[in-house]
Structure formats: structure tokens, C-alpha cells
N, C-alpha and C. Protein backbone atom coordinates (compact mmCIF):
# COMPACT_ATOMS: atom_id res chain seq x y z
N UNK A 1 53.34 9.92 -51.06
CA UNK A 1 52.56 11.00 -50.52
C UNK A 1 51.71 10.53 -49.34
N UNK A 2 51.18 9.30 -49.42
CA UNK A 2 50.36 8.77 -48.34
C UNK A 2 51.20 8.60 -47.08
N UNK A 3 52.45 8.10 -47.25
CA UNK A 3 53.28 7.90 -46.07
C UNK A 3 53.68 9.23 -45.44
N UNK A 4 53.84 10.26 -46.26
CA UNK A 4 54.17 11.58 -45.71
C UNK A 4 53.00 12.10 -44.88
N UNK A 5 51.79 11.90 -45.34
CA UNK A 5 50.61 12.33 -44.58
C UNK A 5 50.46 11.53 -43.30
N UNK A 6 50.74 10.26 -43.38
CA UNK A 6 50.66 9.42 -42.19
C UNK A 6 51.71 9.84 -41.16
N UNK A 7 52.88 10.19 -41.63
CA UNK A 7 53.95 10.64 -40.74
C UNK A 7 53.56 11.94 -40.05
N UNK A 8 53.01 12.89 -40.80
CA UNK A 8 52.61 14.16 -40.21
C UNK A 8 51.44 13.96 -39.24
N UNK A 9 50.58 13.01 -39.55
CA UNK A 9 49.48 12.72 -38.64
C UNK A 9 49.97 12.16 -37.32
N UNK A 10 50.97 11.30 -37.39
CA UNK A 10 51.55 10.76 -36.15
C UNK A 10 52.26 11.85 -35.37
N UNK A 11 52.94 12.75 -36.07
CA UNK A 11 53.61 13.85 -35.40
C UNK A 11 52.59 14.77 -34.74
N UNK A 12 51.49 15.03 -35.41
CA UNK A 12 50.44 15.84 -34.80
C UNK A 12 49.90 15.17 -33.55
N UNK A 13 49.69 13.86 -33.60
CA UNK A 13 49.20 13.16 -32.42
C UNK A 13 50.23 13.22 -31.29
N UNK A 14 51.52 13.06 -31.64
CA UNK A 14 52.56 13.07 -30.62
C UNK A 14 52.64 14.41 -29.92
N UNK A 15 52.30 15.48 -30.60
CA UNK A 15 52.34 16.81 -30.00
C UNK A 15 51.02 17.21 -29.36
N UNK A 16 50.04 16.32 -29.37
CA UNK A 16 48.74 16.63 -28.76
C UNK A 16 48.84 16.57 -27.24
N UNK A 17 47.85 17.13 -26.57
CA UNK A 17 47.88 17.16 -25.11
C UNK A 17 47.71 15.77 -24.51
N UNK A 18 46.98 14.89 -25.20
CA UNK A 18 46.81 13.53 -24.70
C UNK A 18 48.12 12.76 -24.71
N UNK A 19 48.87 12.91 -25.78
CA UNK A 19 50.16 12.22 -25.87
C UNK A 19 51.15 12.79 -24.85
N UNK A 20 51.13 14.09 -24.64
CA UNK A 20 52.02 14.69 -23.65
C UNK A 20 51.67 14.20 -22.24
N UNK A 21 50.40 14.06 -21.97
CA UNK A 21 49.97 13.55 -20.67
C UNK A 21 50.46 12.12 -20.49
N UNK A 22 50.28 11.27 -21.52
CA UNK A 22 50.74 9.89 -21.46
C UNK A 22 52.26 9.82 -21.29
N UNK A 23 52.97 10.69 -21.98
CA UNK A 23 54.43 10.71 -21.87
C UNK A 23 54.86 11.12 -20.47
N UNK A 24 54.17 12.09 -19.87
CA UNK A 24 54.48 12.50 -18.50
C UNK A 24 54.24 11.37 -17.51
N UNK A 25 53.16 10.63 -17.70
CA UNK A 25 52.86 9.49 -16.82
C UNK A 25 53.95 8.43 -16.94
N UNK A 26 54.36 8.13 -18.16
CA UNK A 26 55.42 7.13 -18.35
C UNK A 26 56.74 7.58 -17.74
N UNK A 27 57.06 8.87 -17.87
CA UNK A 27 58.30 9.38 -17.27
C UNK A 27 58.27 9.22 -15.75
N UNK A 28 57.14 9.56 -15.15
CA UNK A 28 57.03 9.40 -13.70
C UNK A 28 57.14 7.94 -13.31
N UNK A 29 56.53 7.05 -14.11
CA UNK A 29 56.61 5.63 -13.81
C UNK A 29 58.05 5.14 -13.83
N UNK A 30 58.76 5.46 -14.91
CA UNK A 30 60.12 4.96 -15.02
C UNK A 30 61.09 5.66 -14.06
N UNK A 31 60.87 6.93 -13.79
CA UNK A 31 61.70 7.60 -12.79
C UNK A 31 61.45 7.02 -11.41
N UNK A 32 60.20 6.63 -11.15
CA UNK A 32 59.88 6.01 -9.88
C UNK A 32 60.56 4.66 -9.71
N UNK A 33 60.70 3.94 -10.81
CA UNK A 33 61.37 2.64 -10.74
C UNK A 33 62.85 2.77 -10.42
N UNK A 34 63.48 3.81 -10.97
CA UNK A 34 64.91 3.97 -10.78
C UNK A 34 65.27 4.97 -9.68
N UNK A 35 64.28 5.59 -9.06
CA UNK A 35 64.58 6.64 -8.07
C UNK A 35 65.17 6.07 -6.79
N UNK A 36 64.82 4.85 -6.45
CA UNK A 36 65.37 4.30 -5.21
C UNK A 36 66.87 4.05 -5.32
N UNK A 37 67.33 3.74 -6.52
CA UNK A 37 68.77 3.50 -6.68
C UNK A 37 69.58 4.79 -6.67
N UNK A 38 68.96 5.91 -7.06
CA UNK A 38 69.71 7.17 -7.06
C UNK A 38 69.37 8.05 -5.86
N UNK A 39 68.44 7.60 -5.01
CA UNK A 39 68.14 8.31 -3.78
C UNK A 39 67.18 9.47 -3.92
N UNK A 40 66.31 9.47 -4.92
CA UNK A 40 65.35 10.54 -5.13
C UNK A 40 63.98 10.07 -4.67
N UNK A 41 63.26 10.92 -3.94
CA UNK A 41 61.94 10.57 -3.45
C UNK A 41 60.89 11.02 -4.47
N UNK A 42 60.16 10.07 -5.05
CA UNK A 42 59.18 10.37 -6.11
C UNK A 42 57.75 10.26 -5.61
N UNK A 43 57.53 10.19 -4.32
CA UNK A 43 56.17 9.99 -3.82
C UNK A 43 55.24 11.13 -4.19
N UNK A 44 55.77 12.34 -4.29
CA UNK A 44 54.90 13.47 -4.61
C UNK A 44 54.41 13.41 -6.05
N UNK A 45 55.08 12.69 -6.92
CA UNK A 45 54.65 12.57 -8.30
C UNK A 45 53.73 11.38 -8.56
N UNK A 46 53.50 10.58 -7.55
CA UNK A 46 52.66 9.40 -7.72
C UNK A 46 51.22 9.78 -8.03
N UNK A 47 50.82 11.00 -7.67
CA UNK A 47 49.45 11.45 -7.95
C UNK A 47 49.21 11.50 -9.46
N UNK A 48 50.25 11.76 -10.22
CA UNK A 48 50.08 11.79 -11.68
C UNK A 48 49.69 10.42 -12.21
N UNK A 49 50.23 9.38 -11.62
CA UNK A 49 49.86 8.04 -12.06
C UNK A 49 48.42 7.72 -11.70
N UNK A 50 47.94 8.27 -10.57
CA UNK A 50 46.56 8.03 -10.20
C UNK A 50 45.60 8.83 -11.07
N UNK A 51 46.03 9.98 -11.56
CA UNK A 51 45.19 10.80 -12.42
C UNK A 51 45.06 10.19 -13.81
N UNK A 52 45.85 9.21 -14.12
CA UNK A 52 45.85 8.58 -15.43
C UNK A 52 44.46 8.04 -15.79
N UNK A 53 43.66 7.69 -14.81
CA UNK A 53 42.32 7.19 -15.09
C UNK A 53 41.49 8.24 -15.81
N UNK A 54 41.80 9.51 -15.62
CA UNK A 54 41.02 10.57 -16.27
C UNK A 54 41.20 10.57 -17.78
N UNK A 55 42.27 10.00 -18.26
CA UNK A 55 42.48 9.99 -19.71
C UNK A 55 41.54 9.03 -20.41
N UNK A 56 40.92 8.11 -19.68
CA UNK A 56 39.97 7.19 -20.29
C UNK A 56 38.67 7.90 -20.67
N UNK A 57 38.45 9.10 -20.14
CA UNK A 57 37.24 9.84 -20.46
C UNK A 57 37.16 10.17 -21.94
N UNK A 58 38.29 10.32 -22.58
CA UNK A 58 38.26 10.69 -23.99
C UNK A 58 37.91 9.51 -24.89
N UNK A 59 37.97 8.29 -24.36
CA UNK A 59 37.72 7.14 -25.21
C UNK A 59 36.44 6.39 -24.87
N UNK A 60 35.81 6.69 -23.77
CA UNK A 60 34.59 5.97 -23.42
C UNK A 60 33.47 6.94 -23.12
N UNK A 61 32.27 6.47 -23.36
CA UNK A 61 31.10 7.28 -23.05
C UNK A 61 30.62 7.01 -21.63
N UNK A 62 31.17 6.00 -21.00
CA UNK A 62 30.70 5.64 -19.66
C UNK A 62 30.98 6.73 -18.64
N UNK A 63 32.16 7.35 -18.70
CA UNK A 63 32.45 8.42 -17.76
C UNK A 63 31.57 9.63 -18.00
N UNK A 64 31.33 9.95 -19.27
CA UNK A 64 30.44 11.08 -19.57
C UNK A 64 29.04 10.80 -19.05
N UNK A 65 28.59 9.57 -19.17
CA UNK A 65 27.29 9.19 -18.66
C UNK A 65 27.26 9.29 -17.14
N UNK A 66 28.30 8.81 -16.48
CA UNK A 66 28.38 8.87 -15.03
C UNK A 66 28.41 10.32 -14.54
N UNK A 67 29.20 11.17 -15.19
CA UNK A 67 29.26 12.57 -14.78
C UNK A 67 27.93 13.27 -15.00
N UNK A 68 27.22 12.89 -16.05
CA UNK A 68 25.90 13.47 -16.30
C UNK A 68 24.91 13.05 -15.22
N UNK A 69 24.97 11.78 -14.81
CA UNK A 69 24.09 11.30 -13.74
C UNK A 69 24.42 12.01 -12.43
N UNK A 70 25.70 12.19 -12.14
CA UNK A 70 26.10 12.90 -10.92
C UNK A 70 25.61 14.34 -10.96
N UNK A 71 25.74 14.98 -12.12
CA UNK A 71 25.27 16.36 -12.26
C UNK A 71 23.75 16.44 -12.09
N UNK A 72 23.03 15.48 -12.66
CA UNK A 72 21.57 15.48 -12.56
C UNK A 72 21.09 15.19 -11.14
N UNK A 73 21.83 14.38 -10.39
CA UNK A 73 21.44 13.99 -9.03
C UNK A 73 22.28 14.69 -7.97
N UNK A 74 22.84 15.84 -8.30
CA UNK A 74 23.74 16.52 -7.36
C UNK A 74 23.04 16.91 -6.07
N UNK A 75 21.80 17.32 -6.15
CA UNK A 75 21.07 17.74 -4.95
C UNK A 75 20.87 16.56 -4.00
N UNK A 76 20.50 15.42 -4.56
CA UNK A 76 20.31 14.23 -3.72
C UNK A 76 21.62 13.77 -3.10
N UNK A 77 22.68 13.82 -3.88
CA UNK A 77 23.99 13.40 -3.35
C UNK A 77 24.47 14.35 -2.25
N UNK A 78 24.22 15.64 -2.42
CA UNK A 78 24.61 16.59 -1.37
C UNK A 78 23.79 16.37 -0.10
N UNK A 79 22.53 15.97 -0.26
CA UNK A 79 21.71 15.66 0.91
C UNK A 79 22.28 14.47 1.67
N UNK A 80 22.72 13.45 0.94
CA UNK A 80 23.30 12.27 1.58
C UNK A 80 24.62 12.63 2.26
N UNK A 81 25.43 13.48 1.63
CA UNK A 81 26.69 13.90 2.24
C UNK A 81 26.41 14.68 3.53
N UNK A 82 25.41 15.55 3.50
CA UNK A 82 25.05 16.30 4.70
C UNK A 82 24.57 15.36 5.80
N UNK A 83 23.75 14.37 5.43
CA UNK A 83 23.28 13.40 6.43
C UNK A 83 24.45 12.60 7.00
N UNK A 84 25.41 12.23 6.16
CA UNK A 84 26.58 11.49 6.63
C UNK A 84 27.41 12.33 7.60
N UNK A 85 27.55 13.62 7.32
CA UNK A 85 28.29 14.48 8.24
C UNK A 85 27.57 14.64 9.57
N UNK A 86 26.24 14.72 9.52
CA UNK A 86 25.47 14.80 10.78
C UNK A 86 25.61 13.51 11.59
N UNK A 87 25.53 12.36 10.91
CA UNK A 87 25.69 11.08 11.60
C UNK A 87 27.11 10.96 12.16
N UNK A 88 28.07 11.43 11.41
CA UNK A 88 29.47 11.39 11.87
C UNK A 88 29.65 12.22 13.14
N UNK A 89 29.08 13.41 13.15
CA UNK A 89 29.19 14.26 14.34
C UNK A 89 28.47 13.63 15.52
N UNK A 90 27.29 13.09 15.29
CA UNK A 90 26.53 12.45 16.36
C UNK A 90 27.27 11.25 16.93
N UNK A 91 27.83 10.44 16.04
CA UNK A 91 28.57 9.27 16.51
C UNK A 91 29.82 9.67 17.28
N UNK A 92 30.52 10.69 16.82
CA UNK A 92 31.72 11.13 17.52
C UNK A 92 31.40 11.57 18.94
N UNK A 93 30.33 12.31 19.09
CA UNK A 93 29.94 12.78 20.41
C UNK A 93 29.52 11.61 21.30
N UNK A 94 28.73 10.69 20.74
CA UNK A 94 28.27 9.53 21.53
C UNK A 94 29.44 8.65 21.96
N UNK A 95 30.36 8.38 21.06
CA UNK A 95 31.51 7.54 21.40
C UNK A 95 32.40 8.25 22.41
N UNK A 96 32.57 9.54 22.27
CA UNK A 96 33.41 10.29 23.20
C UNK A 96 32.85 10.20 24.61
N UNK A 97 31.55 10.45 24.75
CA UNK A 97 30.96 10.43 26.10
C UNK A 97 30.82 9.01 26.64
N UNK A 98 30.61 8.02 25.77
CA UNK A 98 30.52 6.64 26.25
C UNK A 98 31.88 6.12 26.69
N UNK A 99 32.93 6.58 26.07
CA UNK A 99 34.27 6.10 26.37
C UNK A 99 34.97 6.96 27.42
N UNK A 100 34.51 8.19 27.62
CA UNK A 100 35.26 9.12 28.48
C UNK A 100 35.19 8.78 29.96
N UNK A 101 34.19 8.02 30.40
CA UNK A 101 34.13 7.71 31.83
C UNK A 101 34.99 6.52 32.22
N UNK A 102 35.72 5.95 31.26
CA UNK A 102 36.67 4.87 31.55
C UNK A 102 37.81 5.46 32.37
N UNK A 103 38.01 4.97 33.56
CA UNK A 103 38.98 5.59 34.47
C UNK A 103 40.38 4.97 34.36
N UNK A 104 40.47 3.69 34.03
CA UNK A 104 41.78 3.05 34.04
C UNK A 104 42.61 3.44 32.81
N UNK A 105 42.09 3.15 31.65
CA UNK A 105 42.83 3.44 30.42
C UNK A 105 41.87 4.10 29.46
N UNK A 106 42.18 5.31 29.09
CA UNK A 106 41.34 6.02 28.12
C UNK A 106 42.03 5.98 26.78
N UNK A 107 41.45 5.25 25.85
CA UNK A 107 42.04 5.17 24.52
C UNK A 107 41.63 6.37 23.67
N UNK A 108 40.42 6.87 23.87
CA UNK A 108 39.98 8.06 23.15
C UNK A 108 40.23 9.26 24.04
N UNK A 109 41.32 9.93 23.80
CA UNK A 109 41.70 11.02 24.69
C UNK A 109 40.98 12.32 24.35
N UNK A 110 40.72 12.56 23.09
CA UNK A 110 40.12 13.83 22.68
C UNK A 110 38.91 13.57 21.80
N UNK A 111 38.20 14.63 21.52
CA UNK A 111 37.06 14.52 20.62
C UNK A 111 37.55 14.25 19.19
N UNK A 112 38.76 14.70 18.87
CA UNK A 112 39.31 14.43 17.54
C UNK A 112 39.62 12.94 17.35
N UNK A 113 40.06 12.29 18.43
CA UNK A 113 40.26 10.84 18.35
C UNK A 113 38.95 10.12 18.11
N UNK A 114 37.89 10.57 18.76
CA UNK A 114 36.60 9.93 18.54
C UNK A 114 36.06 10.25 17.15
N UNK A 115 36.40 11.43 16.61
CA UNK A 115 36.01 11.76 15.24
C UNK A 115 36.73 10.85 14.24
N UNK A 116 38.01 10.60 14.48
CA UNK A 116 38.77 9.69 13.63
C UNK A 116 38.18 8.28 13.68
N UNK A 117 37.86 7.83 14.88
CA UNK A 117 37.28 6.50 15.03
C UNK A 117 35.92 6.44 14.33
N UNK A 118 35.14 7.50 14.42
CA UNK A 118 33.84 7.53 13.76
C UNK A 118 33.97 7.48 12.25
N UNK A 119 34.97 8.15 11.71
CA UNK A 119 35.23 8.06 10.26
C UNK A 119 35.57 6.63 9.87
N UNK A 120 36.37 5.97 10.68
CA UNK A 120 36.71 4.57 10.41
C UNK A 120 35.48 3.68 10.43
N UNK A 121 34.61 3.90 11.41
CA UNK A 121 33.43 3.04 11.55
C UNK A 121 32.43 3.30 10.44
N UNK A 122 32.18 4.57 10.11
CA UNK A 122 31.18 4.87 9.08
C UNK A 122 31.62 4.40 7.70
N UNK A 123 32.91 4.40 7.45
CA UNK A 123 33.39 3.91 6.16
C UNK A 123 33.71 2.43 6.20
N UNK A 124 33.47 1.80 7.31
CA UNK A 124 33.69 0.37 7.56
C UNK A 124 35.14 -0.05 7.33
N UNK A 125 36.09 0.84 7.60
CA UNK A 125 37.50 0.49 7.47
C UNK A 125 38.04 -0.15 8.73
N UNK A 126 37.88 0.53 9.87
CA UNK A 126 38.30 0.04 11.18
C UNK A 126 39.72 -0.51 11.17
N UNK A 127 40.67 0.39 11.20
CA UNK A 127 42.08 0.01 11.16
C UNK A 127 42.53 -0.74 12.40
N UNK A 128 41.93 -0.49 13.52
CA UNK A 128 42.35 -1.14 14.76
C UNK A 128 43.29 -0.30 15.58
N UNK A 129 43.54 0.93 15.17
CA UNK A 129 44.43 1.79 15.95
C UNK A 129 43.74 2.35 17.19
N UNK A 130 42.42 2.39 17.19
CA UNK A 130 41.64 2.82 18.35
C UNK A 130 40.75 1.66 18.76
N UNK A 131 40.82 1.30 20.03
CA UNK A 131 40.04 0.17 20.53
C UNK A 131 39.11 0.68 21.63
N UNK A 132 37.84 0.39 21.49
CA UNK A 132 36.88 0.79 22.51
C UNK A 132 36.90 -0.22 23.65
N UNK A 133 36.76 0.28 24.88
CA UNK A 133 36.86 -0.61 26.03
C UNK A 133 35.56 -0.75 26.81
N UNK A 134 34.65 0.19 26.68
CA UNK A 134 33.41 0.10 27.44
C UNK A 134 32.32 -0.52 26.57
N UNK A 135 31.36 -1.18 27.22
CA UNK A 135 30.30 -1.81 26.46
C UNK A 135 29.37 -0.77 25.83
N UNK A 136 29.24 0.42 26.46
CA UNK A 136 28.39 1.46 25.90
C UNK A 136 28.96 1.96 24.57
N UNK A 137 30.26 2.19 24.55
CA UNK A 137 30.88 2.69 23.32
C UNK A 137 30.88 1.62 22.23
N UNK A 138 31.02 0.35 22.62
CA UNK A 138 30.95 -0.73 21.64
C UNK A 138 29.55 -0.85 21.05
N UNK A 139 28.53 -0.63 21.86
CA UNK A 139 27.15 -0.66 21.37
C UNK A 139 26.89 0.49 20.41
N UNK A 140 27.38 1.68 20.76
CA UNK A 140 27.24 2.84 19.87
C UNK A 140 27.95 2.58 18.54
N UNK A 141 29.14 2.02 18.60
CA UNK A 141 29.90 1.73 17.38
C UNK A 141 29.18 0.70 16.52
N UNK A 142 28.59 -0.32 17.13
CA UNK A 142 27.87 -1.35 16.37
C UNK A 142 26.66 -0.76 15.65
N UNK A 143 25.93 0.11 16.33
CA UNK A 143 24.76 0.74 15.69
C UNK A 143 25.20 1.59 14.51
N UNK A 144 26.27 2.36 14.70
CA UNK A 144 26.70 3.25 13.62
C UNK A 144 27.41 2.51 12.49
N UNK A 145 27.90 1.31 12.74
CA UNK A 145 28.45 0.51 11.63
C UNK A 145 27.36 0.17 10.64
N UNK A 146 26.19 -0.21 11.14
CA UNK A 146 25.08 -0.51 10.24
C UNK A 146 24.60 0.74 9.53
N UNK A 147 24.61 1.88 10.21
CA UNK A 147 24.24 3.13 9.56
C UNK A 147 25.25 3.50 8.47
N UNK A 148 26.53 3.21 8.71
CA UNK A 148 27.55 3.51 7.71
C UNK A 148 27.35 2.72 6.43
N UNK A 149 26.99 1.46 6.56
CA UNK A 149 26.71 0.65 5.37
C UNK A 149 25.50 1.22 4.63
N UNK A 150 24.48 1.61 5.38
CA UNK A 150 23.29 2.20 4.76
C UNK A 150 23.60 3.51 4.07
N UNK A 151 24.46 4.32 4.69
CA UNK A 151 24.83 5.59 4.06
C UNK A 151 25.64 5.39 2.79
N UNK A 152 26.32 4.28 2.67
CA UNK A 152 27.02 3.99 1.42
C UNK A 152 26.08 3.44 0.36
N UNK A 153 25.04 2.74 0.79
CA UNK A 153 24.11 2.14 -0.17
C UNK A 153 23.16 3.16 -0.79
N UNK A 154 22.80 4.18 -0.06
CA UNK A 154 21.84 5.16 -0.58
C UNK A 154 22.37 5.90 -1.81
N UNK A 155 23.57 6.50 -1.78
CA UNK A 155 24.03 7.16 -3.01
C UNK A 155 24.35 6.17 -4.13
N UNK A 156 24.78 4.97 -3.78
CA UNK A 156 25.05 3.97 -4.82
C UNK A 156 23.77 3.60 -5.55
N UNK A 157 22.70 3.37 -4.78
CA UNK A 157 21.41 3.07 -5.39
C UNK A 157 20.88 4.23 -6.20
N UNK A 158 21.07 5.44 -5.71
CA UNK A 158 20.63 6.62 -6.46
C UNK A 158 21.37 6.79 -7.77
N UNK A 159 22.69 6.56 -7.75
CA UNK A 159 23.46 6.66 -9.00
C UNK A 159 23.06 5.56 -9.97
N UNK A 160 22.80 4.36 -9.46
CA UNK A 160 22.39 3.26 -10.32
C UNK A 160 21.04 3.55 -10.96
N UNK A 161 20.10 4.04 -10.16
CA UNK A 161 18.78 4.37 -10.69
C UNK A 161 18.87 5.48 -11.73
N UNK A 162 19.67 6.50 -11.43
CA UNK A 162 19.84 7.59 -12.39
C UNK A 162 20.49 7.13 -13.68
N UNK A 163 21.46 6.22 -13.58
CA UNK A 163 22.12 5.69 -14.77
C UNK A 163 21.15 4.87 -15.61
N UNK A 164 20.36 4.02 -14.96
CA UNK A 164 19.38 3.22 -15.70
C UNK A 164 18.33 4.10 -16.36
N UNK A 165 17.88 5.15 -15.67
CA UNK A 165 16.90 6.06 -16.24
C UNK A 165 17.48 6.79 -17.45
N UNK A 166 18.72 7.24 -17.35
CA UNK A 166 19.36 7.95 -18.46
C UNK A 166 19.60 7.01 -19.63
N UNK A 167 20.01 5.79 -19.38
CA UNK A 167 20.20 4.81 -20.46
C UNK A 167 18.88 4.50 -21.15
N UNK A 168 17.81 4.42 -20.37
CA UNK A 168 16.49 4.18 -20.95
C UNK A 168 16.06 5.35 -21.82
N UNK A 169 16.33 6.56 -21.40
CA UNK A 169 16.01 7.73 -22.21
C UNK A 169 16.80 7.74 -23.51
N UNK A 170 18.08 7.42 -23.42
CA UNK A 170 18.93 7.41 -24.61
C UNK A 170 18.47 6.34 -25.59
N UNK A 171 18.13 5.15 -25.08
CA UNK A 171 17.68 4.08 -25.99
C UNK A 171 16.33 4.42 -26.60
N UNK A 172 15.43 5.06 -25.86
CA UNK A 172 14.13 5.43 -26.45
C UNK A 172 14.31 6.52 -27.50
N UNK A 173 15.25 7.43 -27.30
CA UNK A 173 15.53 8.45 -28.32
C UNK A 173 16.11 7.82 -29.57
N UNK A 174 16.97 6.81 -29.40
CA UNK A 174 17.54 6.14 -30.56
C UNK A 174 16.48 5.35 -31.32
N UNK A 175 15.53 4.75 -30.60
CA UNK A 175 14.44 4.02 -31.26
C UNK A 175 13.59 4.99 -32.05
N UNK A 176 13.26 6.15 -31.46
CA UNK A 176 12.46 7.15 -32.17
C UNK A 176 13.21 7.67 -33.39
N UNK A 177 14.52 7.83 -33.27
CA UNK A 177 15.33 8.31 -34.39
C UNK A 177 15.35 7.28 -35.51
N UNK A 178 15.43 6.00 -35.16
CA UNK A 178 15.45 4.94 -36.18
C UNK A 178 14.11 4.79 -36.87
N UNK A 179 13.01 5.10 -36.19
CA UNK A 179 11.68 5.00 -36.81
C UNK A 179 11.48 6.08 -37.85
N UNK A 180 12.05 7.24 -37.63
CA UNK A 180 11.88 8.35 -38.58
C UNK A 180 12.86 8.19 -39.68
């Protein structure tokens, strides 16, 4: 009788949404391994493998804690995002005008090219596909590189502070609960 219950429990788990999600991820993984030999393009299904991280939410409290901190600090995070967009627009305009008077070779042809370059600089990626040629534009880029690092540190510090504050609240509640 115990083995029959264990069998039905496993069957119930296998039919659960978590198991179906895991099975779908494994199917995409193995189809991706063999797709090159049969000529099928599986790149559009690769997003399912990246979403697999979301399944860890059911087993850890860390994601729930992080989402709670993000929800509690949403206003501050939106302020930082707005500031980053303003800095991005300002840098794009400055780089465009600093680079546009180059007469021999203009690498930044449009404002969209300067916007792309500004995204690269603010996120500190700098792929190297756009190269600045004037000293004015290089100076503008150097200043905004330091601003980009700062813009990444502000929300990180805010999330860390919020997480520490929430952990402190949880531990003080547990201490009060244990005293009673």
C-alpha cells in the first residue's frame, strides 16, 4: 500500500506544472543539440532555457526577498532609471555635436549612432564598433563612462541596503517570536 501511494505521488508530481516546465526545458535542450544535424533552427526556443532560472523561485526564499525589496524600493529605482535615460539623452546629444564637425571621416553619421554609442558607454560595454575621432567627443565619452559606473552603483547600493533592512526586520521578528 505504501508503494502504491508513493507511485501515485510521483505521478502527481510528474503531471504538475513544475515538472512540465522542466520537461519542456529538457526537450528544447536536447532538440537544440540535435537540430544542427537535421537542419532545424532552434534559436527562437533558446529563451525557454534562459527562463529556467525562474523555476528556482519555488525552492528558495532569496528570490522572494529580492522581489519584495524591488517592490518596496520601486519608486527609487524608477528615479534612477529616469536619471539614466536623461544622462543617456544628454550624452548622445553631446557626442553627436562633438563628433559631427569632423570633416574627413564621420563615424557617427546619425543621432541614432550616437545613441547606440552612448548606451555602450553608459553600460561600460564598448564593443568597438563605433570609434570617436575628435578629442572633444573622447572627453565627453570619458566623463560619461564614470557617470555610467555611478549610475550602476546607485541602484545596486539601494537594493543592498533594502535587502539588509528587510533581513534585519525578519530576524528581529523571529527573535520576538522566540521570546514569546
